[in-house]
Every structure is written in structure tokens, then in C-alpha cells.
Amino acid sequence: MCRSGPVSRCKRHEPIPEDVRRAADVLERRYAVSILYASHTGCTRFTEFRRALGTIPPATLAQRLGELERAGVLRREVRDARPPHVEYVLTSEGERLRGLLDALAAWARS
């Protein structure tokens, strides 16, 4: 609600652009930013993410990895090894988020 009186406190704002809304939808998901931060520090396998994130339920981790893959910031790669294993690597779009994650980490430390 606007305050009534000699000075109006209401401001008119433009709606948030659709591309910003889509990016926020991805990053607002619980653990998404932590998974991206862990991937920038070297995590690539499911168990590495679980160790780095601590209390994340496995089903939630699998869901978030899939969402980040669909968003184009992680790529799922099946490695031909004995036994075969899956790794998640940052795409070029995921690498572009490094500045944002570094700024967030710096802000958290201050």
C-alpha cells in the first residue's frame, strides 16, 4: 500500500524481464547455487557433490543436477570405465556464472 500524505512513497516499476525470471527460477531452487559453486571448485561426480553439500537428500541432488542440465549450465557425461560412471561438467554457460558465484562467496565472507 502507498502511504498517503505530502510525499508519495510509491514508485512505478517495469515488470521483471522474462529472461531474468527464467534465470531466477533455476537459481532459486534449493541447493542449486551450492551445486554450481561445488562444480566450479572441482566436483563432477554424484558422490563428490553429496560430500561437498553435506545434508542434501540424494533424490534432491539428482533432481537439481537434472534441472541444471536442462538449464544448460551442466552437461552430463557418461564415462566409459569399469564400472561406467557419470560426471557433470560445466558448460560454457555454466562457466559464465563464475563471477556471480565468486561475488556471492565474497559477500558471504564479509
N, C-alpha and C. Protein backbone atom coordinates (compact mmCIF):
# COMPACT_ATOMS: atom_id res chain seq x y z
N MET A 1 0.84 -1.18 0.00
CA MET A 1 0.00 0.00 0.00
C MET A 1 0.88 1.24 0.00
N CYS A 2 0.40 2.25 -0.66
CA CYS A 2 1.11 3.52 -0.69
C CYS A 2 0.78 4.32 0.55
N ARG A 3 1.76 5.05 1.02
CA ARG A 3 1.50 5.97 2.14
C ARG A 3 0.81 7.21 1.59
N SER A 4 -0.16 7.64 2.34
CA SER A 4 -0.79 8.90 1.92
C SER A 4 -0.10 10.02 2.67
N GLY A 5 -0.19 11.18 2.18
CA GLY A 5 0.45 12.31 2.82
C GLY A 5 1.11 13.18 1.79
N PRO A 6 1.93 14.12 2.26
CA PRO A 6 2.53 15.09 1.34
C PRO A 6 3.52 14.45 0.36
N VAL A 7 4.18 13.36 0.75
CA VAL A 7 5.15 12.73 -0.14
C VAL A 7 4.70 11.29 -0.41
N SER A 8 4.46 10.98 -1.65
CA SER A 8 4.04 9.63 -2.01
C SER A 8 5.27 8.74 -2.08
N ARG A 9 5.21 7.55 -1.49
CA ARG A 9 6.33 6.62 -1.47
C ARG A 9 6.23 5.58 -2.59
N CYS A 10 5.18 5.66 -3.37
CA CYS A 10 5.00 4.69 -4.44
C CYS A 10 5.86 5.05 -5.63
N LYS A 11 6.42 4.01 -6.22
CA LYS A 11 7.20 4.20 -7.44
C LYS A 11 6.65 3.22 -8.46
N ARG A 12 6.71 3.58 -9.68
CA ARG A 12 6.28 2.69 -10.75
C ARG A 12 7.52 1.94 -11.25
N HIS A 13 7.37 0.64 -11.38
CA HIS A 13 8.48 -0.19 -11.84
C HIS A 13 8.03 -1.02 -13.03
N GLU A 14 8.97 -1.28 -13.89
CA GLU A 14 8.71 -2.16 -15.02
C GLU A 14 8.69 -3.60 -14.52
N PRO A 15 7.95 -4.47 -15.18
CA PRO A 15 7.97 -5.89 -14.80
C PRO A 15 9.36 -6.48 -15.02
N ILE A 16 9.68 -7.50 -14.26
CA ILE A 16 10.96 -8.18 -14.41
C ILE A 16 10.99 -8.85 -15.78
N PRO A 17 12.07 -8.67 -16.54
CA PRO A 17 12.15 -9.30 -17.87
C PRO A 17 12.06 -10.83 -17.78
N GLU A 18 11.50 -11.43 -18.82
CA GLU A 18 11.28 -12.87 -18.83
C GLU A 18 12.58 -13.66 -18.70
N ASP A 19 13.67 -13.21 -19.33
CA ASP A 19 14.93 -13.94 -19.22
C ASP A 19 15.48 -13.91 -17.80
N VAL A 20 15.27 -12.82 -17.08
CA VAL A 20 15.69 -12.74 -15.68
C VAL A 20 14.83 -13.67 -14.83
N ARG A 21 13.55 -13.73 -15.10
CA ARG A 21 12.66 -14.65 -14.37
C ARG A 21 13.09 -16.11 -14.57
N ARG A 22 13.43 -16.48 -15.80
CA ARG A 22 13.86 -17.86 -16.07
C ARG A 22 15.14 -18.19 -15.31
N ALA A 23 16.10 -17.26 -15.33
CA ALA A 23 17.36 -17.49 -14.61
C ALA A 23 17.10 -17.60 -13.11
N ALA A 24 16.26 -16.74 -12.59
CA ALA A 24 15.95 -16.77 -11.16
C ALA A 24 15.24 -18.07 -10.79
N ASP A 25 14.36 -18.56 -11.66
CA ASP A 25 13.67 -19.82 -11.38
C ASP A 25 14.67 -20.95 -11.17
N VAL A 26 15.73 -20.98 -11.97
CA VAL A 26 16.74 -22.03 -11.83
C VAL A 26 17.54 -21.83 -10.54
N LEU A 27 18.01 -20.61 -10.31
CA LEU A 27 18.91 -20.36 -9.18
C LEU A 27 18.19 -20.31 -7.84
N GLU A 28 16.89 -20.07 -7.83
CA GLU A 28 16.15 -20.01 -6.57
C GLU A 28 15.88 -21.38 -5.98
N ARG A 29 16.05 -22.44 -6.75
CA ARG A 29 15.81 -23.79 -6.26
C ARG A 29 16.81 -24.11 -5.16
N ARG A 30 16.34 -24.74 -4.12
CA ARG A 30 17.21 -25.07 -3.00
C ARG A 30 18.38 -25.93 -3.48
N TYR A 31 19.56 -25.59 -3.07
CA TYR A 31 20.83 -26.25 -3.37
C TYR A 31 21.40 -25.93 -4.74
N ALA A 32 20.67 -25.28 -5.63
CA ALA A 32 21.18 -25.05 -6.99
C ALA A 32 22.46 -24.22 -6.98
N VAL A 33 22.49 -23.14 -6.22
CA VAL A 33 23.69 -22.30 -6.17
C VAL A 33 24.84 -23.07 -5.54
N SER A 34 24.57 -23.86 -4.52
CA SER A 34 25.62 -24.66 -3.88
C SER A 34 26.18 -25.69 -4.84
N ILE A 35 25.33 -26.31 -5.63
CA ILE A 35 25.80 -27.29 -6.62
C ILE A 35 26.68 -26.60 -7.66
N LEU A 36 26.27 -25.43 -8.12
CA LEU A 36 27.09 -24.70 -9.09
C LEU A 36 28.42 -24.29 -8.48
N TYR A 37 28.40 -23.84 -7.25
CA TYR A 37 29.66 -23.47 -6.57
C TYR A 37 30.57 -24.69 -6.46
N ALA A 38 30.01 -25.82 -6.06
CA ALA A 38 30.81 -27.05 -5.94
C ALA A 38 31.36 -27.47 -7.29
N SER A 39 30.60 -27.29 -8.36
CA SER A 39 31.09 -27.67 -9.68
C SER A 39 32.23 -26.76 -10.12
N HIS A 40 32.20 -25.50 -9.70
CA HIS A 40 33.29 -24.58 -10.02
C HIS A 40 34.55 -24.91 -9.22
N THR A 41 34.40 -25.60 -8.09
CA THR A 41 35.57 -25.96 -7.28
C THR A 41 36.06 -27.37 -7.57
N GLY A 42 35.46 -28.04 -8.55
CA GLY A 42 36.00 -29.31 -9.00
C GLY A 42 35.12 -30.53 -8.85
N CYS A 43 33.97 -30.43 -8.22
CA CYS A 43 33.09 -31.59 -8.11
C CYS A 43 32.54 -31.95 -9.48
N THR A 44 32.56 -33.25 -9.78
CA THR A 44 32.00 -33.69 -11.05
C THR A 44 31.10 -34.90 -10.88
N ARG A 45 31.30 -35.68 -9.84
CA ARG A 45 30.52 -36.90 -9.68
C ARG A 45 29.51 -36.76 -8.56
N PHE A 46 28.46 -37.57 -8.63
CA PHE A 46 27.35 -37.51 -7.68
C PHE A 46 27.85 -37.56 -6.24
N THR A 47 28.73 -38.51 -5.94
CA THR A 47 29.22 -38.66 -4.56
C THR A 47 30.06 -37.46 -4.12
N GLU A 48 30.77 -36.84 -5.06
CA GLU A 48 31.53 -35.63 -4.71
C GLU A 48 30.60 -34.50 -4.32
N PHE A 49 29.51 -34.35 -5.09
CA PHE A 49 28.53 -33.32 -4.73
C PHE A 49 27.91 -33.61 -3.37
N ARG A 50 27.58 -34.87 -3.10
CA ARG A 50 26.98 -35.21 -1.80
C ARG A 50 27.92 -34.87 -0.65
N ARG A 51 29.21 -35.18 -0.80
CA ARG A 51 30.17 -34.85 0.26
C ARG A 51 30.32 -33.35 0.42
N ALA A 52 30.36 -32.61 -0.68
CA ALA A 52 30.54 -31.16 -0.62
C ALA A 52 29.33 -30.46 -0.01
N LEU A 53 28.13 -30.94 -0.33
CA LEU A 53 26.91 -30.27 0.13
C LEU A 53 26.43 -30.77 1.49
N GLY A 54 26.89 -31.90 1.92
CA GLY A 54 26.53 -32.38 3.26
C GLY A 54 25.16 -33.01 3.35
N THR A 55 24.17 -32.24 3.72
CA THR A 55 22.87 -32.80 4.09
C THR A 55 21.87 -32.94 2.96
N ILE A 56 22.27 -32.78 1.73
CA ILE A 56 21.31 -32.85 0.63
C ILE A 56 20.82 -34.29 0.43
N PRO A 57 19.51 -34.49 0.38
CA PRO A 57 18.99 -35.83 0.09
C PRO A 57 19.37 -36.26 -1.33
N PRO A 58 19.70 -37.53 -1.53
CA PRO A 58 20.12 -37.99 -2.86
C PRO A 58 19.09 -37.70 -3.96
N ALA A 59 17.81 -37.85 -3.66
CA ALA A 59 16.78 -37.59 -4.67
C ALA A 59 16.77 -36.12 -5.07
N THR A 60 16.97 -35.24 -4.10
CA THR A 60 17.00 -33.81 -4.38
C THR A 60 18.23 -33.47 -5.22
N LEU A 61 19.36 -34.05 -4.88
CA LEU A 61 20.58 -33.81 -5.67
C LEU A 61 20.38 -34.25 -7.12
N ALA A 62 19.83 -35.44 -7.31
CA ALA A 62 19.58 -35.93 -8.67
C ALA A 62 18.64 -35.00 -9.43
N GLN A 63 17.61 -34.52 -8.74
CA GLN A 63 16.65 -33.62 -9.37
C GLN A 63 17.31 -32.29 -9.76
N ARG A 64 18.10 -31.72 -8.85
CA ARG A 64 18.76 -30.44 -9.14
C ARG A 64 19.79 -30.59 -10.27
N LEU A 65 20.54 -31.69 -10.27
CA LEU A 65 21.50 -31.89 -11.35
C LEU A 65 20.79 -31.96 -12.69
N GLY A 66 19.65 -32.63 -12.73
CA GLY A 66 18.86 -32.69 -13.95
C GLY A 66 18.34 -31.33 -14.37
N GLU A 67 17.88 -30.53 -13.41
CA GLU A 67 17.37 -29.19 -13.72
C GLU A 67 18.49 -28.30 -14.25
N LEU A 68 19.67 -28.38 -13.64
CA LEU A 68 20.79 -27.57 -14.10
C LEU A 68 21.27 -28.03 -15.48
N GLU A 69 21.14 -29.31 -15.73
CA GLU A 69 21.47 -29.83 -17.07
C GLU A 69 20.48 -29.28 -18.10
N ARG A 70 19.19 -29.34 -17.79
CA ARG A 70 18.17 -28.82 -18.71
C ARG A 70 18.31 -27.32 -18.91
N ALA A 71 18.80 -26.61 -17.88
CA ALA A 71 19.01 -25.16 -18.00
C ALA A 71 20.24 -24.83 -18.83
N GLY A 72 21.06 -25.84 -19.13
CA GLY A 72 22.21 -25.62 -19.99
C GLY A 72 23.48 -25.18 -19.29
N VAL A 73 23.54 -25.31 -17.96
CA VAL A 73 24.75 -24.90 -17.24
C VAL A 73 25.63 -26.09 -16.85
N LEU A 74 25.07 -27.28 -16.82
CA LEU A 74 25.83 -28.51 -16.59
C LEU A 74 25.57 -29.47 -17.74
N ARG A 75 26.56 -30.30 -18.02
CA ARG A 75 26.41 -31.33 -19.03
C ARG A 75 26.71 -32.67 -18.38
N ARG A 76 25.85 -33.63 -18.58
CA ARG A 76 26.00 -34.98 -18.03
C ARG A 76 26.79 -35.81 -19.04
N GLU A 77 27.90 -36.40 -18.58
CA GLU A 77 28.73 -37.21 -19.46
C GLU A 77 28.90 -38.60 -18.84
N VAL A 78 28.64 -39.62 -19.61
CA VAL A 78 28.84 -41.00 -19.15
C VAL A 78 30.25 -41.39 -19.55
N ARG A 79 31.07 -41.74 -18.58
CA ARG A 79 32.46 -42.13 -18.83
C ARG A 79 32.54 -43.63 -19.02
N ASP A 80 33.22 -44.03 -20.07
CA ASP A 80 33.40 -45.45 -20.35
C ASP A 80 34.56 -45.95 -19.50
N ALA A 81 34.24 -46.50 -18.37
CA ALA A 81 35.24 -47.01 -17.44
C ALA A 81 34.70 -48.30 -16.86
N ARG A 82 35.44 -48.92 -16.03
CA ARG A 82 34.99 -50.14 -15.33
C ARG A 82 34.88 -49.86 -13.85
N PRO A 83 33.74 -49.74 -13.27
CA PRO A 83 32.43 -49.66 -13.91
C PRO A 83 32.21 -48.28 -14.53
N PRO A 84 31.27 -48.18 -15.48
CA PRO A 84 30.98 -46.87 -16.08
C PRO A 84 30.49 -45.90 -15.00
N HIS A 85 30.80 -44.65 -15.16
CA HIS A 85 30.31 -43.65 -14.21
C HIS A 85 29.91 -42.38 -14.95
N VAL A 86 29.16 -41.56 -14.24
CA VAL A 86 28.63 -40.31 -14.80
C VAL A 86 29.36 -39.14 -14.15
N GLU A 87 29.70 -38.17 -14.97
CA GLU A 87 30.28 -36.93 -14.47
C GLU A 87 29.45 -35.76 -14.99
N TYR A 88 29.42 -34.70 -14.20
CA TYR A 88 28.73 -33.47 -14.59
C TYR A 88 29.79 -32.40 -14.76
N VAL A 89 29.83 -31.81 -15.94
CA VAL A 89 30.82 -30.77 -16.23
C VAL A 89 30.10 -29.48 -16.59
N LEU A 90 30.73 -28.39 -16.25
CA LEU A 90 30.15 -27.09 -16.57
C LEU A 90 30.19 -26.85 -18.08
N THR A 91 29.13 -26.30 -18.59
CA THR A 91 29.10 -25.86 -19.98
C THR A 91 29.70 -24.45 -20.02
N SER A 92 29.81 -23.90 -21.21
CA SER A 92 30.31 -22.52 -21.31
C SER A 92 29.34 -21.57 -20.60
N GLU A 93 28.05 -21.88 -20.64
CA GLU A 93 27.07 -21.05 -19.91
C GLU A 93 27.29 -21.16 -18.40
N GLY A 94 27.60 -22.36 -17.93
CA GLY A 94 27.89 -22.55 -16.51
C GLY A 94 29.15 -21.82 -16.09
N GLU A 95 30.15 -21.80 -16.96
CA GLU A 95 31.39 -21.08 -16.67
C GLU A 95 31.14 -19.58 -16.54
N ARG A 96 30.18 -19.09 -17.30
CA ARG A 96 29.86 -17.65 -17.26
C ARG A 96 29.29 -17.24 -15.90
N LEU A 97 28.84 -18.19 -15.10
CA LEU A 97 28.30 -17.88 -13.77
C LEU A 97 29.39 -17.73 -12.71
N ARG A 98 30.65 -18.00 -13.06
CA ARG A 98 31.74 -17.94 -12.08
C ARG A 98 31.81 -16.58 -11.38
N GLY A 99 31.69 -15.49 -12.10
CA GLY A 99 31.75 -14.16 -11.49
C GLY A 99 30.64 -13.96 -10.46
N LEU A 100 29.46 -14.41 -10.80
CA LEU A 100 28.33 -14.31 -9.87
C LEU A 100 28.59 -15.11 -8.60
N LEU A 101 29.08 -16.34 -8.76
CA LEU A 101 29.35 -17.20 -7.61
C LEU A 101 30.50 -16.67 -6.77
N ASP A 102 31.55 -16.13 -7.41
CA ASP A 102 32.66 -15.53 -6.67
C ASP A 102 32.19 -14.32 -5.88
N ALA A 103 31.34 -13.51 -6.51
CA ALA A 103 30.82 -12.31 -5.81
C ALA A 103 29.94 -12.74 -4.63
N LEU A 104 29.14 -13.76 -4.80
CA LEU A 104 28.30 -14.25 -3.72
C LEU A 104 29.15 -14.78 -2.57
N ALA A 105 30.20 -15.53 -2.89
CA ALA A 105 31.11 -16.05 -1.85
C ALA A 105 31.81 -14.92 -1.12
N ALA A 106 32.27 -13.90 -1.85
CA ALA A 106 32.93 -12.76 -1.22
C ALA A 106 31.98 -12.02 -0.30
N TRP A 107 30.75 -11.84 -0.75
CA TRP A 107 29.75 -11.16 0.08
C TRP A 107 29.48 -11.97 1.35
N ALA A 108 29.41 -13.30 1.22
CA ALA A 108 29.12 -14.15 2.38
C ALA A 108 30.26 -14.10 3.39
N ARG A 109 31.49 -13.99 2.91
CA ARG A 109 32.65 -13.93 3.81
C ARG A 109 32.75 -12.61 4.55
N SER A 110 32.19 -11.52 3.97
CA SER A 110 32.34 -10.21 4.59
C SER A 110 31.33 -9.95 5.69
